[in-house]
């Protein structure tokens, strides 16, 4: 899956991932390969990213919007 995390000022992350865990409005949730299309609001919190080599990293966000379609994940955040 291709993940992009973008703020108005810069790109925080771009790359291939196996899994991401997100702070959703109704609680934490995960996106894995072949996830159904979804648009969701995000709360302030930590995004957990597991890259294609299974290395885990974290990015703090202040909320935002998520779009998933055809294994492309786009996060727009502050």
PDB file of N, CA and C in Angstrom:
ATOM      1  N   UNK A   1       0.839  -1.169   0.000  1.00  0.00           N
ATOM      2  CA  UNK A   1       0.000   0.000   0.000  1.00  0.00           C
ATOM      3  C   UNK A   1       0.887   1.236   0.000  1.00  0.00           C
ATOM      4  N   UNK A   2       0.424   2.257  -0.665  1.00  0.00           N
ATOM      5  CA  UNK A   2       1.163   3.521  -0.676  1.00  0.00           C
ATOM      6  C   UNK A   2       0.507   4.474   0.320  1.00  0.00           C
ATOM      7  N   UNK A   3       1.330   5.035   1.209  1.00  0.00           N
ATOM      8  CA  UNK A   3       0.855   5.974   2.218  1.00  0.00           C
ATOM      9  C   UNK A   3       1.494   7.336   1.998  1.00  0.00           C
ATOM     10  N   UNK A   4       0.653   8.381   2.084  1.00  0.00           N
ATOM     11  CA  UNK A   4       1.123   9.760   2.085  1.00  0.00           C
ATOM     12  C   UNK A   4       0.478  10.472   3.259  1.00  0.00           C
ATOM     13  N   UNK A   5       1.296  11.146   4.061  1.00  0.00           N
ATOM     14  CA  UNK A   5       0.803  11.995   5.145  1.00  0.00           C
ATOM     15  C   UNK A   5       1.272  13.410   4.830  1.00  0.00           C
ATOM     16  N   UNK A   6       0.294  14.305   4.632  1.00  0.00           N
ATOM     17  CA  UNK A   6       0.593  15.646   4.120  1.00  0.00           C
ATOM     18  C   UNK A   6      -0.002  16.709   5.040  1.00  0.00           C
ATOM     19  N   UNK A   7       0.797  17.754   5.324  1.00  0.00           N
ATOM     20  CA  UNK A   7       0.318  18.939   6.025  1.00  0.00           C
ATOM     21  C   UNK A   7       0.268  20.078   5.004  1.00  0.00           C
ATOM     22  N   UNK A   8      -0.297  21.228   5.368  1.00  0.00           N
ATOM     23  CA  UNK A   8      -0.279  22.355   4.433  1.00  0.00           C
ATOM     24  C   UNK A   8       1.137  22.809   4.068  1.00  0.00           C
ATOM     25  N   UNK A   9       2.119  22.525   4.948  1.00  0.00           N
ATOM     26  CA  UNK A   9       3.482  23.003   4.741  1.00  0.00           C
ATOM     27  C   UNK A   9       4.438  21.992   4.125  1.00  0.00           C
ATOM     28  N   UNK A  10       4.197  20.692   4.383  1.00  0.00           N
ATOM     29  CA  UNK A  10       5.176  19.698   3.935  1.00  0.00           C
ATOM     30  C   UNK A  10       4.585  18.301   3.901  1.00  0.00           C
ATOM     31  N   UNK A  11       5.337  17.393   3.321  1.00  0.00           N
ATOM     32  CA  UNK A  11       4.997  15.975   3.313  1.00  0.00           C
ATOM     33  C   UNK A  11       5.695  15.333   4.501  1.00  0.00           C
ATOM     34  N   UNK A  12       4.925  14.743   5.424  1.00  0.00           N
ATOM     35  CA  UNK A  12       5.504  14.111   6.607  1.00  0.00           C
ATOM     36  C   UNK A  12       5.993  12.699   6.317  1.00  0.00           C
ATOM     37  N   UNK A  13       5.294  12.006   5.409  1.00  0.00           N
ATOM     38  CA  UNK A  13       5.670  10.629   5.092  1.00  0.00           C
ATOM     39  C   UNK A  13       5.144  10.285   3.717  1.00  0.00           C
ATOM     40  N   UNK A  14       5.934   9.547   2.968  1.00  0.00           N
ATOM     41  CA  UNK A  14       5.471   8.939   1.733  1.00  0.00           C
ATOM     42  C   UNK A  14       6.246   7.639   1.557  1.00  0.00           C
ATOM     43  N   UNK A  15       5.533   6.574   1.253  1.00  0.00           N
ATOM     44  CA  UNK A  15       6.207   5.297   1.073  1.00  0.00           C
ATOM     45  C   UNK A  15       5.249   4.118   1.124  1.00  0.00           C
ATOM     46  N   UNK A  16       5.813   2.939   0.914  1.00  0.00           N
ATOM     47  CA  UNK A  16       5.054   1.691   0.931  1.00  0.00           C
ATOM     48  C   UNK A  16       4.951   1.178   2.366  1.00  0.00           C
ATOM     49  N   UNK A  17       3.758   0.744   2.753  1.00  0.00           N
ATOM     50  CA  UNK A  17       3.526   0.247   4.107  1.00  0.00           C
ATOM     51  C   UNK A  17       2.721  -1.056   4.059  1.00  0.00           C
ATOM     52  N   UNK A  18       2.833  -1.825   5.140  1.00  0.00           N
ATOM     53  CA  UNK A  18       2.024  -3.039   5.295  1.00  0.00           C
ATOM     54  C   UNK A  18       0.787  -2.791   6.144  1.00  0.00           C
ATOM     55  N   UNK A  19       0.880  -1.810   7.070  1.00  0.00           N
ATOM     56  CA  UNK A  19      -0.212  -1.560   8.005  1.00  0.00           C
ATOM     57  C   UNK A  19      -0.055  -0.166   8.597  1.00  0.00           C
ATOM     58  N   UNK A  20      -1.195   0.482   8.868  1.00  0.00           N
ATOM     59  CA  UNK A  20      -1.170   1.706   9.666  1.00  0.00           C
ATOM     60  C   UNK A  20      -2.281   1.629  10.702  1.00  0.00           C
ATOM     61  N   UNK A  21      -2.012   2.201  11.864  1.00  0.00           N
ATOM     62  CA  UNK A  21      -2.996   2.302  12.936  1.00  0.00           C
ATOM     63  C   UNK A  21      -3.232   3.782  13.182  1.00  0.00           C
ATOM     64  N   UNK A  22      -4.503   4.174  13.277  1.00  0.00           N
ATOM     65  CA  UNK A  22      -4.875   5.584  13.292  1.00  0.00           C
ATOM     66  C   UNK A  22      -5.770   5.937  14.469  1.00  0.00           C
ATOM     67  N   UNK A  23      -5.695   7.199  14.938  1.00  0.00           N
ATOM     68  CA  UNK A  23      -6.587   7.673  15.999  1.00  0.00           C
ATOM     69  C   UNK A  23      -7.895   8.221  15.411  1.00  0.00           C
ATOM     70  N   UNK A  24      -8.870   7.358  15.259  1.00  0.00           N
ATOM     71  CA  UNK A  24     -10.151   7.768  14.687  1.00  0.00           C
ATOM     72  C   UNK A  24     -11.029   8.478  15.700  1.00  0.00           C
ATOM     73  N   UNK A  25     -12.049   9.148  15.228  1.00  0.00           N
ATOM     74  CA  UNK A  25     -12.987   9.865  16.079  1.00  0.00           C
ATOM     75  C   UNK A  25     -13.702   8.921  17.039  1.00  0.00           C
ATOM     76  N   UNK A  26     -13.989   7.707  16.596  1.00  0.00           N
ATOM     77  CA  UNK A  26     -14.693   6.717  17.423  1.00  0.00           C
ATOM     78  C   UNK A  26     -13.731   5.710  18.049  1.00  0.00           C
ATOM     79  N   UNK A  27     -12.439   5.965  17.974  1.00  0.00           N
ATOM     80  CA  UNK A  27     -11.444   5.061  18.542  1.00  0.00           C
ATOM     81  C   UNK A  27     -10.397   4.683  17.511  1.00  0.00           C
ATOM     82  N   UNK A  28      -9.391   3.968  17.970  1.00  0.00           N
ATOM     83  CA  UNK A  28      -8.276   3.560  17.114  1.00  0.00           C
ATOM     84  C   UNK A  28      -8.729   2.493  16.117  1.00  0.00           C
ATOM     85  N   UNK A  29      -8.169   2.549  14.896  1.00  0.00           N
ATOM     86  CA  UNK A  29      -8.454   1.518  13.900  1.00  0.00           C
ATOM     87  C   UNK A  29      -7.250   1.330  12.999  1.00  0.00           C
ATOM     88  N   UNK A  30      -7.239   0.203  12.271  1.00  0.00           N
ATOM     89  CA  UNK A  30      -6.117  -0.142  11.407  1.00  0.00           C
ATOM     90  C   UNK A  30      -6.560  -0.263   9.955  1.00  0.00           C
ATOM     91  N   UNK A  31      -5.618  -0.001   9.071  1.00  0.00           N
ATOM     92  CA  UNK A  31      -5.806  -0.186   7.635  1.00  0.00           C
ATOM     93  C   UNK A  31      -4.744  -1.183   7.172  1.00  0.00           C
ATOM     94  N   UNK A  32      -5.187  -2.229   6.489  1.00  0.00           N
ATOM     95  CA  UNK A  32      -4.282  -3.229   5.925  1.00  0.00           C
ATOM     96  C   UNK A  32      -4.543  -3.334   4.422  1.00  0.00           C
ATOM     97  N   UNK A  33      -3.709  -4.091   3.737  1.00  0.00           N
ATOM     98  CA  UNK A  33      -3.817  -4.252   2.289  1.00  0.00           C
ATOM     99  C   UNK A  33      -5.225  -4.705   1.883  1.00  0.00           C
ATOM    100  N   UNK A  34      -5.706  -4.135   0.782  1.00  0.00           N
ATOM    101  CA  UNK A  34      -7.020  -4.434   0.200  1.00  0.00           C
ATOM    102  C   UNK A  34      -8.190  -4.011   1.088  1.00  0.00           C
ATOM    103  N   UNK A  35      -7.969  -3.006   1.933  1.00  0.00           N
ATOM    104  CA  UNK A  35      -9.045  -2.465   2.766  1.00  0.00           C
ATOM    105  C   UNK A  35     -10.116  -1.856   1.863  1.00  0.00           C
ATOM    106  N   UNK A  36     -11.349  -1.936   2.281  1.00  0.00           N
ATOM    107  CA  UNK A  36     -12.445  -1.310   1.540  1.00  0.00           C
ATOM    108  C   UNK A  36     -12.233   0.205   1.493  1.00  0.00           C
ATOM    109  N   UNK A  37     -12.709   0.861   0.449  1.00  0.00           N
ATOM    110  CA  UNK A  37     -12.596   2.321   0.386  1.00  0.00           C
ATOM    111  C   UNK A  37     -13.249   2.965   1.615  1.00  0.00           C
ATOM    112  N   UNK A  38     -12.600   3.998   2.127  1.00  0.00           N
ATOM    113  CA  UNK A  38     -13.102   4.664   3.329  1.00  0.00           C
ATOM    114  C   UNK A  38     -12.623   6.116   3.344  1.00  0.00           C
ATOM    115  N   UNK A  39     -13.471   6.975   3.896  1.00  0.00           N
ATOM    116  CA  UNK A  39     -13.086   8.345   4.227  1.00  0.00           C
ATOM    117  C   UNK A  39     -13.451   8.515   5.690  1.00  0.00           C
ATOM    118  N   UNK A  40     -12.527   9.030   6.497  1.00  0.00           N
ATOM    119  CA  UNK A  40     -12.761   9.143   7.935  1.00  0.00           C
ATOM    120  C   UNK A  40     -12.075  10.381   8.492  1.00  0.00           C
ATOM    121  N   UNK A  41     -12.667  10.938   9.538  1.00  0.00           N
ATOM    122  CA  UNK A  41     -11.993  12.009  10.274  1.00  0.00           C
ATOM    123  C   UNK A  41     -11.052  11.371  11.291  1.00  0.00           C
ATOM    124  N   UNK A  42      -9.991  12.092  11.622  1.00  0.00           N
ATOM    125  CA  UNK A  42      -8.994  11.608  12.566  1.00  0.00           C
ATOM    126  C   UNK A  42      -8.869  12.586  13.729  1.00  0.00           C
ATOM    127  N   UNK A  43      -8.584  12.048  14.900  1.00  0.00           N
ATOM    128  CA  UNK A  43      -8.372  12.850  16.095  1.00  0.00           C
ATOM    129  C   UNK A  43      -6.882  13.100  16.297  1.00  0.00           C
ATOM    130  N   UNK A  44      -6.569  13.979  17.217  1.00  0.00           N
ATOM    131  CA  UNK A  44      -5.179  14.196  17.613  1.00  0.00           C
ATOM    132  C   UNK A  44      -4.654  12.897  18.220  1.00  0.00           C
ATOM    133  N   UNK A  45      -3.454  12.515  17.822  1.00  0.00           N
ATOM    134  CA  UNK A  45      -2.871  11.291  18.355  1.00  0.00           C
ATOM    135  C   UNK A  45      -1.707  10.810  17.518  1.00  0.00           C
ATOM    136  N   UNK A  46      -1.404   9.540  17.689  1.00  0.00           N
ATOM    137  CA  UNK A  46      -0.228   8.937  17.063  1.00  0.00           C
ATOM    138  C   UNK A  46      -0.641   7.972  15.968  1.00  0.00           C
ATOM    139  N   UNK A  47      -0.004   8.114  14.810  1.00  0.00           N
ATOM    140  CA  UNK A  47      -0.190   7.180  13.701  1.00  0.00           C
ATOM    141  C   UNK A  47       0.956   6.171  13.767  1.00  0.00           C
ATOM    142  N   UNK A  48       0.602   4.904  13.861  1.00  0.00           N
ATOM    143  CA  UNK A  48       1.597   3.824  13.858  1.00  0.00           C
ATOM    144  C   UNK A  48       1.731   3.326  12.429  1.00  0.00           C
ATOM    145  N   UNK A  49       2.963   3.282  11.945  1.00  0.00           N
ATOM    146  CA  UNK A  49       3.239   2.869  10.570  1.00  0.00           C
ATOM    147  C   UNK A  49       4.155   1.652  10.595  1.00  0.00           C
ATOM    148  N   UNK A  50       3.725   0.580   9.941  1.00  0.00           N
ATOM    149  CA  UNK A  50       4.587  -0.588   9.765  1.00  0.00           C
ATOM    150  C   UNK A  50       4.941  -0.638   8.280  1.00  0.00           C
ATOM    151  N   UNK A  51       6.221  -0.388   7.964  1.00  0.00           N
ATOM    152  CA  UNK A  51       6.621  -0.299   6.555  1.00  0.00           C
ATOM    153  C   UNK A  51       6.734  -1.677   5.920  1.00  0.00           C
ATOM    154  N   UNK A  52       7.112  -1.694   4.658  1.00  0.00           N
ATOM    155  CA  UNK A  52       7.163  -2.955   3.899  1.00  0.00           C
ATOM    156  C   UNK A  52       8.173  -3.942   4.457  1.00  0.00           C
ATOM    157  N   UNK A  53       9.147  -3.456   5.266  1.00  0.00           N
ATOM    158  CA  UNK A  53      10.132  -4.327   5.914  1.00  0.00           C
ATOM    159  C   UNK A  53       9.733  -4.641   7.352  1.00  0.00           C
ATOM    160  N   UNK A  54       8.498  -4.296   7.733  1.00  0.00           N
ATOM    161  CA  UNK A  54       7.937  -4.498   9.072  1.00  0.00           C
ATOM    162  C   UNK A  54       8.611  -3.649  10.147  1.00  0.00           C
ATOM    163  N   UNK A  55       9.303  -2.580   9.749  1.00  0.00           N
ATOM    164  CA  UNK A  55       9.856  -1.622  10.707  1.00  0.00           C
ATOM    165  C   UNK A  55       8.726  -0.698  11.152  1.00  0.00           C
ATOM    166  N   UNK A  56       8.610  -0.488  12.467  1.00  0.00           N
ATOM    167  CA  UNK A  56       7.528   0.324  13.023  1.00  0.00           C
ATOM    168  C   UNK A  56       8.039   1.725  13.342  1.00  0.00           C
ATOM    169  N   UNK A  57       7.245   2.737  12.954  1.00  0.00           N
ATOM    170  CA  UNK A  57       7.544   4.119  13.309  1.00  0.00           C
ATOM    171  C   UNK A  57       6.233   4.815  13.673  1.00  0.00           C
ATOM    172  N   UNK A  58       6.348   5.979  14.289  1.00  0.00           N
ATOM    173  CA  UNK A  58       5.177   6.725  14.751  1.00  0.00           C
ATOM    174  C   UNK A  58       5.273   8.178  14.305  1.00  0.00           C
ATOM    175  N   UNK A  59       4.115   8.748  13.963  1.00  0.00           N
ATOM    176  CA  UNK A  59       4.028  10.169  13.621  1.00  0.00           C
ATOM    177  C   UNK A  59       2.858  10.760  14.405  1.00  0.00           C
ATOM    178  N   UNK A  60       3.107  11.848  15.112  1.00  0.00           N
ATOM    179  CA  UNK A  60       2.056  12.550  15.853  1.00  0.00           C
ATOM    180  C   UNK A  60       1.302  13.473  14.895  1.00  0.00           C
ATOM    181  N   UNK A  61      -0.038  13.429  14.982  1.00  0.00           N
ATOM    182  CA  UNK A  61      -0.862  14.331  14.173  1.00  0.00           C
ATOM    183  C   UNK A  61      -1.822  15.086  15.086  1.00  0.00           C
ATOM    184  N   UNK A  62      -2.326  16.197  14.592  1.00  0.00           N
ATOM    185  CA  UNK A  62      -3.295  17.013  15.340  1.00  0.00           C
ATOM    186  C   UNK A  62      -4.701  16.857  14.778  1.00  0.00           C
ATOM    187  N   UNK A  63      -5.016  15.669  14.293  1.00  0.00           N
ATOM    188  CA  UNK A  63      -6.304  15.442  13.659  1.00  0.00           C
ATOM    189  C   UNK A  63      -6.175  15.588  12.161  1.00  0.00           C
ATOM    190  N   UNK A  64      -7.255  15.298  11.462  1.00  0.00           N
ATOM    191  CA  UNK A  64      -7.219  15.429  10.013  1.00  0.00           C
ATOM    192  C   UNK A  64      -8.247  14.541   9.343  1.00  0.00           C
ATOM    193  N   UNK A  65      -7.946  14.187   8.102  1.00  0.00           N
ATOM    194  CA  UNK A  65      -8.843  13.392   7.275  1.00  0.00           C
ATOM    195  C   UNK A  65      -8.057  12.273   6.603  1.00  0.00           C
ATOM    196  N   UNK A  66      -8.695  11.111   6.505  1.00  0.00           N
ATOM    197  CA  UNK A  66      -8.109   9.930   5.878  1.00  0.00           C
ATOM    198  C   UNK A  66      -8.946   9.523   4.676  1.00  0.00           C
ATOM    199  N   UNK A  67      -8.268   9.162   3.582  1.00  0.00           N
ATOM    200  CA  UNK A  67      -8.939   8.581   2.423  1.00  0.00           C
ATOM    201  C   UNK A  67      -8.171   7.333   2.018  1.00  0.00           C
ATOM    202  N   UNK A  68      -8.892   6.219   1.846  1.00  0.00           N
ATOM    203  CA  UNK A  68      -8.295   4.961   1.393  1.00  0.00           C
ATOM    204  C   UNK A  68      -9.059   4.499   0.163  1.00  0.00           C
ATOM    205  N   UNK A  69      -8.314   4.202  -0.907  1.00  0.00           N
ATOM    206  CA  UNK A  69      -8.928   3.682  -2.126  1.00  0.00           C
ATOM    207  C   UNK A  69      -7.857   2.981  -2.949  1.00  0.00           C
ATOM    208  N   UNK A  70      -8.143   1.750  -3.352  1.00  0.00           N
ATOM    209  CA  UNK A  70      -7.230   0.966  -4.203  1.00  0.00           C
ATOM    210  C   UNK A  70      -5.814   0.885  -3.634  1.00  0.00           C
ATOM    211  N   UNK A  71      -5.709   0.600  -2.342  1.00  0.00           N
ATOM    212  CA  UNK A  71      -4.413   0.476  -1.651  1.00  0.00           C
ATOM    213  C   UNK A  71      -3.590   1.762  -1.653  1.00  0.00           C
ATOM    214  N   UNK A  72      -4.237   2.904  -1.846  1.00  0.00           N
ATOM    215  CA  UNK A  72      -3.606   4.211  -1.715  1.00  0.00           C
ATOM    216  C   UNK A  72      -4.232   4.901  -0.509  1.00  0.00           C
ATOM    217  N   UNK A  73      -3.380   5.316   0.430  1.00  0.00           N
ATOM    218  CA  UNK A  73      -3.839   5.938   1.666  1.00  0.00           C
ATOM    219  C   UNK A  73      -3.316   7.383   1.689  1.00  0.00           C
ATOM    220  N   UNK A  74      -4.243   8.309   1.892  1.00  0.00           N
ATOM    221  CA  UNK A  74      -3.893   9.717   1.956  1.00  0.00           C
ATOM    222  C   UNK A  74      -4.398  10.264   3.280  1.00  0.00           C
ATOM    223  N   UNK A  75      -3.505  10.871   4.056  1.00  0.00           N
ATOM    224  CA  UNK A  75      -3.854  11.532   5.300  1.00  0.00           C
ATOM    225  C   UNK A  75      -3.517  13.007   5.152  1.00  0.00           C
ATOM    226  N   UNK A  76      -4.524  13.852   5.328  1.00  0.00           N
ATOM    227  CA  UNK A  76      -4.330  15.301   5.339  1.00  0.00           C
ATOM    228  C   UNK A  76      -4.468  15.743   6.784  1.00  0.00           C
ATOM    229  N   UNK A  77      -3.437  16.413   7.305  1.00  0.00           N
ATOM    230  CA  UNK A  77      -3.414  16.790   8.714  1.00  0.00           C
ATOM    231  C   UNK A  77      -2.835  18.188   8.869  1.00  0.00           C
ATOM    232  N   UNK A  78      -2.980  18.739  10.076  1.00  0.00           N
ATOM    233  CA  UNK A  78      -2.449  20.072  10.387  1.00  0.00           C
ATOM    234  C   UNK A  78      -0.978  20.010  10.684  1.00  0.00           C
TER     235      UNK A  78
END
